[in-house]
């Protein structure tokens, strides 16, 4: 900078070079702060944005030098064989990329506003599915928060982070997670074998649980591929956790009870239920990301929407079962002789778990209703041959089913569907078109109401700072996640409205052959970013 000040060339060129040098210093300082585990102040990002604007306004003063990044130089830098072709990036793309990257880096730190493991996972998902998708550096920053100074999000150690999630789902106010005799009773009922097995199972689940967050730091294609592998891993852990649950039942003399929808009494299976909940969530994400990445062909959409509604139905039943045992635990706490402060804390944990389960139930119920509606719509469109089904000369339905369902066929629970059952549920030959459309109109109304109920909630079930959300305008970090959450849910509401319109339109056109002929030519499936694609996970057909 000193040499630049003493230079004798044009003052405009001096200012342009000075801005570029200052920007490099700011970026390097940002990297140093992040490497040291320090938070980056918002003012630094504002300075970098201003410097970028200054650089953009002085770009015309420079001279393009093609030799600075020639084909020969690019070949030396290339990591693949044969060498990559010459890459030319327009300056408009450069400005957009850097502004977006700085904006993402600035917003990434709002993840620390998540005061609970569930809210942190929601925050990671909101950033992972942002449009445009964050570039590699912001995603690497997100991943670093999971292991910074041995803490998750600078808040809890990984072991306590996992236990926090267990408390908020299946083990609220439970002595199995007590770390002191002054809380809810003697640690692990005083049984050393129970303590050892609990510790071993939690230690093993810790890696997979943290990896669940790391998944959402990848790009979209890798997220889905990693979810496919993670499903098998979580399925294996679930079997091992059932053995731990059996030991806990025998040592604690747990009494079986009758959950809703069950024909016989059963035990809580707290550890394996927790695993199963996250596995079903992964299962649902994997299916829905297939719609986002346009993996499914048009003639497959009816079947995949049915499979999504089926998994959502299983998840709803599981949440009802979990709620039953949390309510039973809450009742036991109310009837206990705990001290007043301990009882208050225990009841607060039970209420927090029920709140989380109810919020999760509302989201999955809305997903189930909308998926069921779209399933019927695509079944009708297939019957009317609106979207042509290609002719396959070297395969059959069974082989295509095995390929499409490959990530899910090896799971022990939920049991995979047979190809025959899947084909029957996809075609729905036992139902007339008229009755199907009547059902679609009814379900679309319910789906719209369900998503509107979801839109009344916020992204954080366990607010870290309640006052900040009562006055969101005073908290910039909170507003980032709030805005992303609202955009996400509003997209689902719009998709449900478009689905309702589509169902009514099909019902009116049931006997209109001219409309069907026109629809075969004009109907389309909107792509991501195009008009009519209201949400990345919901493909609503655009009809004439």
Protein backbone atom coordinates (compact mmCIF):
# COMPACT_ATOMS: atom_id res chain seq x y z
CA UNK A 1 0.00 0.00 0.00
CA UNK A 2 2.90 2.36 0.75
CA UNK A 3 4.46 1.67 -2.65
CA UNK A 4 1.11 2.35 -4.26
CA UNK A 5 0.81 5.72 -2.54
CA UNK A 6 4.23 6.81 -3.84
CA UNK A 7 3.51 5.66 -7.41
CA UNK A 8 3.22 8.32 -10.11
CA UNK A 9 0.44 6.90 -12.34
CA UNK A 10 -3.18 8.06 -12.62
CA UNK A 11 -5.12 8.75 -9.42
CA UNK A 12 -8.12 6.70 -10.63
CA UNK A 13 -5.89 3.68 -11.16
CA UNK A 14 -4.43 4.19 -7.68
CA UNK A 15 -7.89 4.11 -6.10
CA UNK A 16 -8.85 1.04 -8.12
CA UNK A 17 -5.72 -0.87 -7.07
CA UNK A 18 -6.11 0.30 -3.47
CA UNK A 19 -9.67 -1.08 -3.33
CA UNK A 20 -8.54 -4.43 -4.70
CA UNK A 21 -5.70 -4.71 -2.19
CA UNK A 22 -7.99 -3.78 0.70
CA UNK A 23 -10.51 -6.41 -0.42
CA UNK A 24 -7.81 -9.08 -0.43
CA UNK A 25 -6.77 -8.03 3.08
CA UNK A 26 -10.39 -8.22 4.30
CA UNK A 27 -10.88 -11.68 2.78
CA UNK A 28 -7.62 -12.97 4.28
CA UNK A 29 -8.60 -11.53 7.66
CA UNK A 30 -11.97 -13.28 7.40
CA UNK A 31 -10.18 -16.60 6.75
CA UNK A 32 -7.80 -16.01 9.69
CA UNK A 33 -10.66 -15.20 12.08
CA UNK A 34 -12.61 -18.24 11.02
CA UNK A 35 -9.57 -20.53 11.31
CA UNK A 36 -9.03 -19.25 14.85
CA UNK A 37 -12.66 -20.05 15.69
CA UNK A 38 -13.61 -16.40 16.07
CA UNK A 39 -16.93 -14.96 14.93
CA UNK A 40 -16.81 -12.43 12.11
CA UNK A 41 -18.48 -9.09 12.68
CA UNK A 42 -21.20 -7.99 10.27
CA UNK A 43 -19.37 -4.70 9.67
CA UNK A 44 -16.55 -6.62 7.93
CA UNK A 45 -19.00 -8.04 5.41
CA UNK A 46 -20.50 -4.60 4.79
CA UNK A 47 -16.99 -3.27 4.09
CA UNK A 48 -16.31 -6.13 1.63
CA UNK A 49 -19.61 -5.52 -0.18
CA UNK A 50 -18.74 -1.82 -0.50
CA UNK A 51 -15.27 -2.67 -1.81
CA UNK A 52 -16.80 -5.02 -4.38
CA UNK A 53 -19.09 -2.25 -5.59
CA UNK A 54 -16.08 0.07 -5.85
CA UNK A 55 -14.11 -2.55 -7.81
CA UNK A 56 -17.07 -3.16 -10.10
CA UNK A 57 -17.32 0.55 -10.89
CA UNK A 58 -13.59 0.76 -11.77
CA UNK A 59 -13.38 -2.45 -13.77
CA UNK A 60 -13.35 -0.54 -17.06
CA UNK A 61 -9.95 0.95 -16.14
CA UNK A 62 -8.27 -2.44 -16.45
CA UNK A 63 -6.93 -4.14 -19.58
CA UNK A 64 -7.82 -7.74 -20.36
CA UNK A 65 -4.70 -9.97 -20.50
CA UNK A 66 -5.64 -13.39 -21.89
CA UNK A 67 -2.13 -14.78 -21.26
CA UNK A 68 -2.63 -14.41 -17.48
CA UNK A 69 -4.84 -17.50 -17.48
CA UNK A 70 -4.07 -19.16 -20.78
CA UNK A 71 -4.97 -22.66 -21.90
CA UNK A 72 -1.44 -23.80 -21.08
CA UNK A 73 -1.68 -22.49 -17.52
CA UNK A 74 -5.10 -24.07 -17.04
CA UNK A 75 -3.76 -27.42 -18.18
CA UNK A 76 -1.10 -27.26 -15.50
CA UNK A 77 -3.75 -26.57 -12.88
CA UNK A 78 -6.15 -29.24 -14.16
CA UNK A 79 -6.52 -32.29 -11.91
CA UNK A 80 -8.09 -34.61 -14.48
CA UNK A 81 -6.91 -36.34 -17.63
CA UNK A 82 -7.51 -35.35 -20.36
CA UNK A 83 -7.10 -31.65 -19.47
CA UNK A 84 -10.19 -29.53 -19.02
CA UNK A 85 -11.09 -27.07 -21.76
CA UNK A 86 -10.45 -23.35 -21.49
CA UNK A 87 -12.84 -21.77 -19.01
CA UNK A 88 -14.04 -18.22 -19.57
CA UNK A 89 -16.13 -16.58 -16.89
CA UNK A 90 -17.90 -13.30 -17.58
CA UNK A 91 -17.41 -10.48 -15.11
CA UNK A 92 -21.15 -10.35 -14.46
CA UNK A 93 -20.93 -13.93 -13.21
CA UNK A 94 -17.91 -13.03 -11.10
CA UNK A 95 -19.68 -10.13 -9.35
CA UNK A 96 -22.79 -12.21 -8.74
CA UNK A 97 -20.78 -15.13 -7.36
CA UNK A 98 -18.70 -13.06 -4.92
CA UNK A 99 -21.62 -10.99 -3.66
CA UNK A 100 -23.63 -14.17 -3.11
CA UNK A 101 -20.73 -15.91 -1.37
CA UNK A 102 -20.23 -12.99 1.03
CA UNK A 103 -23.97 -12.82 1.65
CA UNK A 104 -24.02 -16.57 2.45
CA UNK A 105 -20.96 -16.30 4.71
CA UNK A 106 -22.59 -13.43 6.58
CA UNK A 107 -25.83 -15.37 7.04
CA UNK A 108 -24.18 -18.67 7.94
CA UNK A 109 -23.31 -17.32 11.38
CA UNK A 110 -27.02 -16.96 12.18
CA UNK A 111 -26.92 -20.74 12.69
CA UNK A 112 -25.62 -19.96 16.19
CA UNK A 113 -29.06 -18.57 17.00
CA UNK A 114 -30.32 -22.16 17.12
CA UNK A 115 -30.66 -23.04 20.79
CA UNK A 116 -31.38 -26.74 20.35
CA UNK A 117 -30.28 -29.73 18.26
CA UNK A 118 -33.62 -29.83 16.41
CA UNK A 119 -33.51 -26.14 15.54
CA UNK A 120 -29.90 -26.45 14.39
CA UNK A 121 -30.85 -29.27 12.02
CA UNK A 122 -33.66 -27.12 10.64
CA UNK A 123 -31.21 -24.24 10.12
CA UNK A 124 -28.78 -26.50 8.26
CA UNK A 125 -31.58 -27.74 6.02
CA UNK A 126 -32.76 -24.21 5.27
CA UNK A 127 -29.28 -23.20 4.11
CA UNK A 128 -28.67 -26.46 2.24
CA UNK A 129 -31.82 -26.03 0.15
CA UNK A 130 -31.41 -22.29 -0.41
CA UNK A 131 -31.63 -20.97 -3.94
CA UNK A 132 -29.05 -20.31 -5.22
CA UNK A 133 -27.23 -23.04 -3.34
CA UNK A 134 -24.34 -21.81 -1.14
CA UNK A 135 -20.91 -22.22 -2.72
CA UNK A 136 -18.31 -24.63 -1.27
CA UNK A 137 -16.68 -22.18 1.14
CA UNK A 138 -19.88 -21.24 3.06
CA UNK A 139 -20.80 -24.92 3.21
CA UNK A 140 -17.33 -25.69 4.61
CA UNK A 141 -17.87 -22.97 7.24
CA UNK A 142 -21.16 -24.62 8.21
CA UNK A 143 -19.46 -27.98 8.59
CA UNK A 144 -16.68 -26.52 10.71
CA UNK A 145 -19.27 -25.36 13.27
CA UNK A 146 -19.92 -29.02 14.11
CA UNK A 147 -16.43 -29.56 15.50
CA UNK A 148 -15.16 -26.10 16.43
CA UNK A 149 -13.13 -26.38 19.68
CA UNK A 150 -14.72 -29.77 20.30
CA UNK A 151 -18.17 -28.17 20.57
CA UNK A 152 -21.22 -28.31 18.30
CA UNK A 153 -22.20 -24.80 17.20
CA UNK A 154 -19.99 -23.43 20.02
CA UNK A 155 -22.63 -24.60 22.48
CA UNK A 156 -22.42 -28.24 23.60
CA UNK A 157 -20.07 -31.19 23.44
CA UNK A 158 -21.20 -33.84 20.91
CA UNK A 159 -22.27 -36.28 23.66
CA UNK A 160 -24.45 -33.70 25.42
CA UNK A 161 -25.70 -32.50 22.06
CA UNK A 162 -27.03 -35.99 21.30
CA UNK A 163 -28.52 -36.34 24.78
CA UNK A 164 -30.31 -33.03 24.29
CA UNK A 165 -32.00 -34.44 21.22
CA UNK A 166 -32.93 -37.64 23.06
CA UNK A 167 -34.50 -35.63 25.88
CA UNK A 168 -36.62 -33.66 23.42
CA UNK A 169 -38.02 -36.75 21.68
CA UNK A 170 -38.20 -40.00 23.63
CA UNK A 171 -36.52 -39.53 27.01
CA UNK A 172 -37.77 -36.31 28.63
CA UNK A 173 -37.19 -36.19 32.41
CA UNK A 174 -35.71 -39.68 32.21
CA UNK A 175 -33.29 -41.12 34.79
CA UNK A 176 -31.50 -42.83 31.91
CA UNK A 177 -29.92 -39.49 30.99
CA UNK A 178 -29.49 -38.08 34.50
CA UNK A 179 -25.97 -36.96 35.28
CA UNK A 180 -26.58 -36.27 38.95
CA UNK A 181 -28.37 -38.01 41.82
CA UNK A 182 -30.08 -34.70 42.53
CA UNK A 183 -32.06 -34.66 39.29
CA UNK A 184 -34.54 -37.47 38.75
CA UNK A 185 -33.07 -40.35 40.68
CA UNK A 186 -30.00 -42.58 40.83
CA UNK A 187 -28.05 -42.64 37.59
CA UNK A 188 -29.24 -45.46 35.28
CA UNK A 189 -31.26 -46.97 38.16
CA UNK A 190 -27.97 -47.86 39.81
CA UNK A 191 -27.44 -50.75 37.34
CA UNK A 192 -23.92 -50.82 35.98
CA UNK A 193 -24.78 -53.02 32.98
CA UNK A 194 -27.53 -50.59 31.97
CA UNK A 195 -25.11 -47.67 32.39
CA UNK A 196 -22.44 -49.39 30.30
CA UNK A 197 -24.85 -50.29 27.51
CA UNK A 198 -26.40 -46.83 27.47
CA UNK A 199 -22.97 -45.21 27.32
CA UNK A 200 -21.81 -47.57 24.57
CA UNK A 201 -24.90 -47.03 22.45
CA UNK A 202 -24.78 -43.25 22.81
CA UNK A 203 -21.07 -43.21 21.96
CA UNK A 204 -21.77 -45.22 18.80
CA UNK A 205 -24.78 -43.12 17.77
CA UNK A 206 -22.83 -39.88 18.32
CA UNK A 207 -20.88 -40.21 15.05
CA UNK A 208 -23.96 -40.95 12.96
CA UNK A 209 -25.96 -38.19 14.60
CA UNK A 210 -23.32 -35.51 13.91
CA UNK A 211 -22.93 -36.90 10.38
CA UNK A 212 -26.65 -36.24 9.89
CA UNK A 213 -25.80 -32.51 10.10
CA UNK A 214 -22.70 -32.83 7.94
CA UNK A 215 -24.82 -34.29 5.15
CA UNK A 216 -26.51 -30.93 4.66
CA UNK A 217 -23.15 -29.22 4.11
CA UNK A 218 -22.73 -31.04 0.78
CA UNK A 219 -24.10 -30.10 -2.63
CA UNK A 220 -27.57 -31.35 -3.53
CA UNK A 221 -26.56 -34.45 -5.49
CA UNK A 222 -24.18 -35.58 -2.76
CA UNK A 223 -26.80 -34.91 -0.09
CA UNK A 224 -29.17 -37.41 -1.70
CA UNK A 225 -26.46 -39.98 -2.38
CA UNK A 226 -25.17 -39.74 1.20
CA UNK A 227 -28.74 -40.05 2.54
CA UNK A 228 -29.11 -43.31 0.60
CA UNK A 229 -26.03 -44.74 2.35
CA UNK A 230 -27.00 -43.27 5.73
CA UNK A 231 -30.40 -45.01 5.61
CA UNK A 232 -28.71 -48.43 5.68
CA UNK A 233 -26.42 -47.35 8.53
CA UNK A 234 -29.30 -46.04 10.65
CA UNK A 235 -31.25 -49.22 9.94
CA UNK A 236 -28.36 -51.28 11.32
CA UNK A 237 -28.07 -49.08 14.42
CA UNK A 238 -31.79 -49.41 15.05
CA UNK A 239 -31.45 -53.18 15.39
CA UNK A 240 -28.61 -52.76 17.89
CA UNK A 241 -30.57 -50.18 19.89
CA UNK A 242 -33.48 -52.59 20.26
CA UNK A 243 -31.16 -54.90 22.22
CA UNK A 244 -30.26 -51.99 24.52
CA UNK A 245 -33.96 -51.19 24.96
CA UNK A 246 -34.68 -54.81 25.92
CA UNK A 247 -32.01 -54.65 28.63
CA UNK A 248 -33.44 -51.37 29.96
CA UNK A 249 -36.94 -52.87 30.11
CA UNK A 250 -35.81 -55.89 32.07
CA UNK A 251 -33.70 -53.89 34.55
CA UNK A 252 -36.18 -51.06 35.08
CA UNK A 253 -39.23 -53.37 35.22
CA UNK A 254 -41.05 -51.20 32.70
CA UNK A 255 -44.76 -51.89 32.33
CA UNK A 256 -46.15 -52.36 28.83
CA UNK A 257 -48.93 -50.02 27.66
CA UNK A 258 -51.27 -49.77 24.67
CA UNK A 259 -50.30 -46.98 22.24
CA UNK A 260 -52.94 -45.56 19.87
CA UNK A 261 -53.52 -47.69 16.79
CA UNK A 262 -51.86 -50.74 18.36
CA UNK A 263 -53.65 -54.01 18.96
CA UNK A 264 -51.45 -55.16 21.85
CA UNK A 265 -49.46 -53.55 24.70
CA UNK A 266 -45.85 -52.69 23.99
CA UNK A 267 -42.84 -51.02 25.58
CA UNK A 268 -41.46 -47.57 24.87
CA UNK A 269 -38.24 -48.68 23.08
CA UNK A 270 -36.92 -45.19 23.67
CA UNK A 271 -33.51 -45.53 22.03
CA UNK A 272 -34.65 -47.41 18.92
CA UNK A 273 -37.68 -45.09 18.58
CA UNK A 274 -35.32 -42.12 18.50
CA UNK A 275 -33.25 -43.82 15.79
CA UNK A 276 -36.38 -44.75 13.84
CA UNK A 277 -37.65 -41.17 13.87
CA UNK A 278 -34.44 -39.82 12.32
CA UNK A 279 -34.30 -42.70 9.86
CA UNK A 280 -37.83 -41.95 8.64
CA UNK A 281 -36.88 -38.28 8.30
CA UNK A 282 -33.89 -39.28 6.15
CA UNK A 283 -36.16 -41.60 4.18
CA UNK A 284 -38.57 -38.78 3.40
CA UNK A 285 -35.77 -36.36 2.46
CA UNK A 286 -34.30 -38.92 0.06
CA UNK A 287 -37.61 -39.38 -1.75
CA UNK A 288 -38.38 -35.66 -1.92
CA UNK A 289 -34.93 -34.73 -3.17
CA UNK A 290 -35.61 -37.04 -6.10
CA UNK A 291 -38.35 -34.60 -7.14
CA UNK A 292 -36.01 -31.64 -6.65
CA UNK A 293 -33.25 -33.19 -8.78
CA UNK A 294 -35.77 -34.34 -11.44
CA UNK A 295 -34.63 -37.95 -11.06
CA UNK A 296 -38.09 -39.41 -11.63
CA UNK A 297 -39.58 -39.66 -15.11
CA UNK A 298 -43.13 -38.23 -15.60
CA UNK A 299 -44.73 -41.70 -15.63
CA UNK A 300 -43.02 -42.48 -12.28
CA UNK A 301 -44.38 -39.49 -10.40
CA UNK A 302 -47.62 -41.21 -9.37
CA UNK A 303 -45.72 -44.10 -7.81
CA UNK A 304 -43.17 -41.93 -6.03
CA UNK A 305 -45.86 -39.66 -4.59
CA UNK A 306 -47.61 -42.78 -3.32
CA UNK A 307 -44.36 -43.98 -1.73
CA UNK A 308 -43.83 -40.57 -0.13
CA UNK A 309 -47.35 -40.60 1.32
CA UNK A 310 -46.81 -44.17 2.54
CA UNK A 311 -43.59 -43.30 4.40
CA UNK A 312 -45.22 -40.16 5.78
CA UNK A 313 -48.11 -42.29 7.08
CA UNK A 314 -45.67 -44.62 8.82
CA UNK A 315 -43.92 -41.62 10.35
CA UNK A 316 -47.21 -40.17 11.60
CA UNK A 317 -48.03 -43.46 13.33
CA UNK A 318 -44.60 -43.52 14.91
CA UNK A 319 -44.98 -39.94 16.20
CA UNK A 320 -48.33 -40.86 17.77
CA UNK A 321 -46.63 -43.76 19.50
CA UNK A 322 -43.83 -41.52 20.79
CA UNK A 323 -46.38 -38.95 22.05
CA UNK A 324 -48.16 -41.70 23.98
CA UNK A 325 -45.08 -42.58 26.00
CA UNK A 326 -44.08 -38.94 26.55
CA UNK A 327 -47.56 -38.24 27.95
CA UNK A 328 -47.21 -41.32 30.16
CA UNK A 329 -43.89 -39.96 31.45
CA UNK A 330 -45.48 -36.56 32.10
CA UNK A 331 -48.25 -38.22 34.10
CA UNK A 332 -45.69 -40.15 36.14
CA UNK A 333 -43.79 -36.94 36.93
CA UNK A 334 -46.98 -35.21 38.09
CA UNK A 335 -47.69 -38.11 40.45
CA UNK A 336 -44.11 -38.32 41.76
CA UNK A 337 -42.77 -36.93 45.01
CA UNK A 338 -39.95 -34.93 43.40
CA UNK A 339 -38.98 -31.58 44.86
CA UNK A 340 -40.89 -28.63 43.38
CA UNK A 341 -37.93 -27.30 41.36
CA UNK A 342 -37.08 -30.75 39.99
CA UNK A 343 -40.71 -31.44 39.10
CA UNK A 344 -40.96 -28.08 37.29
CA UNK A 345 -37.85 -28.88 35.27
CA UNK A 346 -39.12 -32.37 34.44
CA UNK A 347 -42.53 -31.10 33.31
CA UNK A 348 -40.83 -28.43 31.18
CA UNK A 349 -38.86 -31.18 29.40
CA UNK A 350 -42.03 -33.20 28.78
CA UNK A 351 -43.84 -30.14 27.43
CA UNK A 352 -40.90 -29.34 25.17
CA UNK A 353 -40.88 -32.90 23.80
CA UNK A 354 -44.64 -32.79 23.13
CA UNK A 355 -44.31 -29.42 21.42
CA UNK A 356 -41.59 -30.76 19.14
CA UNK A 357 -43.59 -33.90 18.35
CA UNK A 358 -46.75 -31.90 17.60
CA UNK A 359 -44.86 -29.52 15.29
CA UNK A 360 -43.24 -32.45 13.51
CA UNK A 361 -46.64 -34.15 13.22
CA UNK A 362 -48.19 -31.06 11.61
CA UNK A 363 -45.43 -30.87 8.96
CA UNK A 364 -45.55 -34.56 8.06
CA UNK A 365 -49.35 -34.58 7.98
CA UNK A 366 -49.31 -31.71 5.47
CA UNK A 367 -46.69 -33.60 3.44
CA UNK A 368 -48.81 -36.75 3.50
CA UNK A 369 -51.96 -34.94 2.31
CA UNK A 370 -50.25 -33.07 -0.52
CA UNK A 371 -48.38 -36.20 -1.68
CA UNK A 372 -51.64 -38.19 -1.67
CA UNK A 373 -53.34 -35.51 -3.77
CA UNK A 374 -50.53 -35.35 -6.34
CA UNK A 375 -50.48 -39.14 -6.52
CA UNK A 376 -54.13 -39.16 -7.65
CA UNK A 377 -53.56 -36.31 -10.11
CA UNK A 378 -50.67 -38.13 -11.80
CA UNK A 379 -52.64 -41.39 -11.84
CA UNK A 380 -55.42 -39.61 -13.75
CA UNK A 381 -52.91 -37.93 -16.08
CA UNK A 382 -51.36 -41.32 -16.80
CA UNK A 383 -54.80 -42.77 -17.59
CA UNK A 384 -55.49 -39.95 -20.01
CA UNK A 385 -51.99 -40.29 -21.49
CA UNK A 386 -51.28 -36.60 -20.92
CA UNK A 387 -47.62 -37.45 -20.35
CA UNK A 388 -46.50 -40.17 -22.72
CA UNK A 389 -44.91 -43.28 -21.24
CA UNK A 390 -41.86 -44.43 -23.22
CA UNK A 391 -41.67 -47.95 -24.57
CA UNK A 392 -39.03 -50.06 -22.85
CA UNK A 393 -37.66 -52.84 -25.01
CA UNK A 394 -35.00 -54.24 -22.67
CA UNK A 395 -36.65 -54.08 -19.25
CA UNK A 396 -39.86 -54.82 -17.41
CA UNK A 397 -41.78 -53.29 -14.50
CA UNK A 398 -39.99 -55.48 -11.95
CA UNK A 399 -36.50 -54.46 -13.07
CA UNK A 400 -37.40 -50.78 -13.23
CA UNK A 401 -38.93 -51.02 -9.77
CA UNK A 402 -35.76 -52.62 -8.38
CA UNK A 403 -33.60 -49.83 -9.81
CA UNK A 404 -35.83 -46.99 -8.62
CA UNK A 405 -36.29 -48.41 -5.11
CA UNK A 406 -32.73 -49.68 -4.70
CA UNK A 407 -31.86 -47.31 -1.79
CA UNK A 408 -34.83 -48.62 0.23
CA UNK A 409 -35.05 -52.35 -0.54
CA UNK A 410 -32.44 -53.39 2.04
CA UNK A 411 -34.16 -51.71 4.98
CA UNK A 412 -35.57 -54.00 7.63
CA UNK A 413 -38.17 -51.45 8.71
CA UNK A 414 -40.28 -50.04 7.17
CA UNK A 415 -40.60 -53.16 5.08
CA UNK A 416 -40.18 -52.49 1.36
CA UNK A 417 -43.20 -52.84 -0.88
CA UNK A 418 -43.35 -55.64 -3.39
CA UNK A 419 -43.27 -54.63 -7.05
CA UNK A 420 -46.82 -55.96 -7.51
CA UNK A 421 -48.19 -53.95 -4.58
CA UNK A 422 -46.37 -50.86 -5.78
CA UNK A 423 -47.81 -51.25 -9.30
CA UNK A 424 -51.35 -51.73 -7.94
CA UNK A 425 -51.12 -48.64 -5.75
CA UNK A 426 -49.67 -46.65 -8.64
CA UNK A 427 -52.39 -47.61 -11.14
CA UNK A 428 -55.34 -47.67 -8.69
CA UNK A 429 -57.35 -49.75 -11.15
CA UNK A 430 -59.96 -50.56 -8.50
CA UNK A 431 -61.11 -46.90 -8.43
CA UNK A 432 -62.93 -45.00 -11.16
CA UNK A 433 -61.51 -41.75 -12.51
CA UNK A 434 -64.50 -39.79 -11.23
CA UNK A 435 -64.14 -41.08 -7.68
CA UNK A 436 -60.40 -40.41 -7.78
CA UNK A 437 -60.92 -36.79 -8.81
CA UNK A 438 -63.54 -36.30 -6.09
CA UNK A 439 -61.00 -37.61 -3.59
CA UNK A 440 -58.28 -35.34 -5.03
CA UNK A 441 -60.46 -32.24 -4.64
CA UNK A 442 -61.19 -33.18 -1.03
CA UNK A 443 -57.57 -33.97 -0.17
CA UNK A 444 -56.25 -30.80 -1.84
CA UNK A 445 -58.45 -28.67 0.43
CA UNK A 446 -57.18 -30.52 3.49
CA UNK A 447 -53.58 -30.18 2.30
CA UNK A 448 -53.97 -26.43 1.83
CA UNK A 449 -55.36 -26.03 5.36
CA UNK A 450 -52.59 -28.22 6.79
CA UNK A 451 -49.82 -26.16 5.16
CA UNK A 452 -51.47 -22.94 6.30
CA UNK A 453 -51.36 -24.27 9.85
CA UNK A 454 -47.66 -25.02 9.43
CA UNK A 455 -47.08 -21.48 8.13
CA UNK A 456 -48.28 -20.07 11.47
CA UNK A 457 -45.30 -21.61 13.27
CA UNK A 458 -41.61 -20.65 13.23
CA UNK A 459 -38.46 -22.56 12.44
CA UNK A 460 -37.31 -22.74 16.06
CA UNK A 461 -39.15 -25.04 18.45
CA UNK A 462 -36.77 -24.08 21.27
CA UNK A 463 -35.96 -20.35 20.88
CA UNK A 464 -32.56 -19.37 22.22
CA UNK A 465 -33.70 -15.80 22.81
CA UNK A 466 -37.48 -15.40 23.01
CA UNK A 467 -37.31 -11.61 23.15
CA UNK A 468 -35.49 -11.51 19.81
CA UNK A 469 -38.41 -13.20 18.08
CA UNK A 470 -40.97 -10.97 19.70
CA UNK A 471 -39.19 -8.05 17.99
CA UNK A 472 -37.61 -9.68 14.89
CA UNK A 473 -36.71 -6.31 13.38
CA UNK A 474 -34.14 -5.79 16.12
CA UNK A 475 -32.34 -9.05 15.41
CA UNK A 476 -30.79 -9.39 11.96
CA UNK A 477 -29.59 -12.94 12.50
CA UNK A 478 -33.00 -14.19 13.52
CA UNK A 479 -34.60 -12.57 10.48
CA UNK A 480 -32.36 -14.54 8.09
CA UNK A 481 -33.62 -17.93 9.24
CA UNK A 482 -37.15 -16.61 9.67
CA UNK A 483 -37.14 -15.38 6.08
CA UNK A 484 -35.81 -18.68 4.73
CA UNK A 485 -38.36 -20.64 6.78
CA UNK A 486 -41.23 -18.42 5.64
CA UNK A 487 -40.20 -18.65 1.98
CA UNK A 488 -39.96 -22.43 2.28
CA UNK A 489 -43.40 -22.88 3.87
CA UNK A 490 -45.04 -20.30 1.61
CA UNK A 491 -43.74 -22.28 -1.36
CA UNK A 492 -45.47 -25.37 0.02
CA UNK A 493 -48.70 -23.38 0.52
CA UNK A 494 -48.54 -22.13 -3.08
CA UNK A 495 -47.91 -25.67 -4.31
CA UNK A 496 -50.96 -26.92 -2.39
CA UNK A 497 -53.10 -24.13 -3.90
CA UNK A 498 -51.85 -24.95 -7.41
CA UNK A 499 -52.60 -28.64 -6.75
CA UNK A 500 -56.16 -27.77 -5.69
CA UNK A 501 -56.66 -25.75 -8.89
CA UNK A 502 -55.23 -28.62 -10.93
CA UNK A 503 -57.62 -31.13 -9.30
CA UNK A 504 -60.65 -28.93 -10.03
CA UNK A 505 -59.46 -28.38 -13.60
CA UNK A 506 -59.15 -32.13 -14.21
CA UNK A 507 -62.59 -32.77 -12.77
CA UNK A 508 -64.16 -30.22 -15.12
CA UNK A 509 -62.31 -31.68 -18.12
CA UNK A 510 -63.17 -35.32 -17.39
CA UNK A 511 -65.46 -35.62 -20.44
CA UNK A 512 -63.80 -32.94 -22.57
CA UNK A 513 -61.88 -34.84 -25.27
CA UNK A 514 -60.75 -31.65 -27.00
CA UNK A 515 -59.11 -30.43 -23.78
CA UNK A 516 -57.37 -33.77 -23.32
CA UNK A 517 -56.00 -33.61 -26.84
CA UNK A 518 -54.70 -30.08 -26.23
CA UNK A 519 -53.25 -31.10 -22.86
CA UNK A 520 -51.19 -33.86 -24.49
CA UNK A 521 -49.47 -31.14 -26.50
CA UNK A 522 -49.25 -28.31 -23.97
CA UNK A 523 -49.02 -29.88 -20.50
CA UNK A 524 -45.61 -29.69 -18.83
CA UNK A 525 -43.75 -30.24 -15.59
CA UNK A 526 -42.15 -26.93 -14.51
CA UNK A 527 -38.44 -27.12 -13.82
CA UNK A 528 -36.65 -25.54 -10.86
CA UNK A 529 -36.53 -21.78 -11.12
CA UNK A 530 -39.25 -21.67 -13.76
CA UNK A 531 -42.73 -20.20 -13.48
CA UNK A 532 -45.16 -22.66 -11.96
CA UNK A 533 -42.56 -24.47 -9.85
CA UNK A 534 -43.69 -23.23 -6.46
CA UNK A 535 -41.40 -25.39 -4.35
CA UNK A 536 -38.38 -27.54 -5.15
CA UNK A 537 -39.96 -30.66 -3.62
CA UNK A 538 -43.42 -30.36 -5.16
CA UNK A 539 -43.93 -30.91 -8.89
CA UNK A 540 -47.37 -29.61 -9.81
CA UNK A 541 -48.22 -30.16 -13.50
CA UNK A 542 -48.89 -27.07 -15.62
CA UNK A 543 -52.08 -27.73 -17.58
CA UNK A 544 -53.62 -25.67 -20.41
